[in-house]
């Protein structure tokens, strides 16, 4: 089950106002519909594509592979 972060607008079940809690999808939807909380943004970046540029080594620094024998 995935967890959703919800920031509370008011006290709810032992949690204080302004606190960010982790709940399942059903509870998160119920809290936002009843205006008790809102979805909070996660601290980790969402799925972004990371492109790493690979540069080849200079010709004098390259290591030659073993010869292929048949």
Protein backbone atom coordinates (compact mmCIF):
# COMPACT_ATOMS: atom_id res chain seq x y z
CA UNK A 1 0.00 0.00 0.00
CA UNK A 2 1.27 3.42 -0.81
CA UNK A 3 1.41 6.14 1.80
CA UNK A 4 0.41 9.77 1.32
CA UNK A 5 1.67 12.78 3.26
CA UNK A 6 -1.08 15.01 4.66
CA UNK A 7 -0.57 18.31 6.47
CA UNK A 8 -3.30 18.86 9.08
CA UNK A 9 -5.26 22.12 9.44
CA UNK A 10 -6.65 21.14 12.85
CA UNK A 11 -6.07 18.59 15.60
CA UNK A 12 -7.06 15.06 14.57
CA UNK A 13 -6.81 11.80 16.56
CA UNK A 14 -3.88 12.81 18.73
CA UNK A 15 -2.05 14.67 15.97
CA UNK A 16 -1.52 18.43 16.27
CA UNK A 17 -2.43 21.18 13.83
CA UNK A 18 0.31 21.75 11.22
CA UNK A 19 1.78 18.28 11.64
CA UNK A 20 2.54 16.23 8.51
CA UNK A 21 1.38 12.64 8.82
CA UNK A 22 1.64 9.59 6.57
CA UNK A 23 -1.66 7.82 5.85
CA UNK A 24 -3.10 5.50 3.22
CA UNK A 25 -5.06 6.69 0.19
CA UNK A 26 -8.55 6.30 1.69
CA UNK A 27 -7.74 8.29 4.83
CA UNK A 28 -5.91 10.96 2.82
CA UNK A 29 -8.92 11.47 0.57
CA UNK A 30 -11.28 11.64 3.57
CA UNK A 31 -9.12 14.23 5.36
CA UNK A 32 -8.89 16.47 2.29
CA UNK A 33 -12.63 16.19 1.52
CA UNK A 34 -13.53 17.19 5.09
CA UNK A 35 -11.01 20.08 4.98
CA UNK A 36 -9.06 18.67 7.90
CA UNK A 37 -5.84 18.58 5.89
CA UNK A 38 -4.18 18.93 2.52
CA UNK A 39 -1.70 16.86 0.60
CA UNK A 40 1.88 17.76 1.49
CA UNK A 41 4.70 17.65 -1.00
CA UNK A 42 7.27 14.97 -0.39
CA UNK A 43 10.84 15.99 0.32
CA UNK A 44 12.32 13.63 -2.23
CA UNK A 45 12.17 14.67 -5.88
CA UNK A 46 9.47 13.04 -7.90
CA UNK A 47 10.42 10.71 -10.70
CA UNK A 48 12.76 12.78 -12.80
CA UNK A 49 14.90 11.44 -15.55
CA UNK A 50 18.56 11.80 -14.76
CA UNK A 51 20.75 11.89 -17.84
CA UNK A 52 24.39 11.32 -17.16
CA UNK A 53 26.74 12.41 -19.88
CA UNK A 54 29.53 9.89 -20.31
CA UNK A 55 32.73 11.17 -21.78
CA UNK A 56 35.38 8.85 -23.12
CA UNK A 57 38.89 8.90 -21.74
CA UNK A 58 41.67 10.44 -23.80
CA UNK A 59 43.34 7.99 -26.19
CA UNK A 60 46.59 7.89 -24.20
CA UNK A 61 44.68 6.98 -20.97
CA UNK A 62 42.54 4.20 -22.44
CA UNK A 63 43.27 0.59 -21.57
CA UNK A 64 43.27 -1.89 -24.40
CA UNK A 65 41.25 -5.06 -23.99
CA UNK A 66 42.61 -8.58 -24.24
CA UNK A 67 43.07 -9.90 -27.77
CA UNK A 68 40.31 -12.13 -29.06
CA UNK A 69 41.46 -15.66 -29.90
CA UNK A 70 39.50 -18.31 -31.68
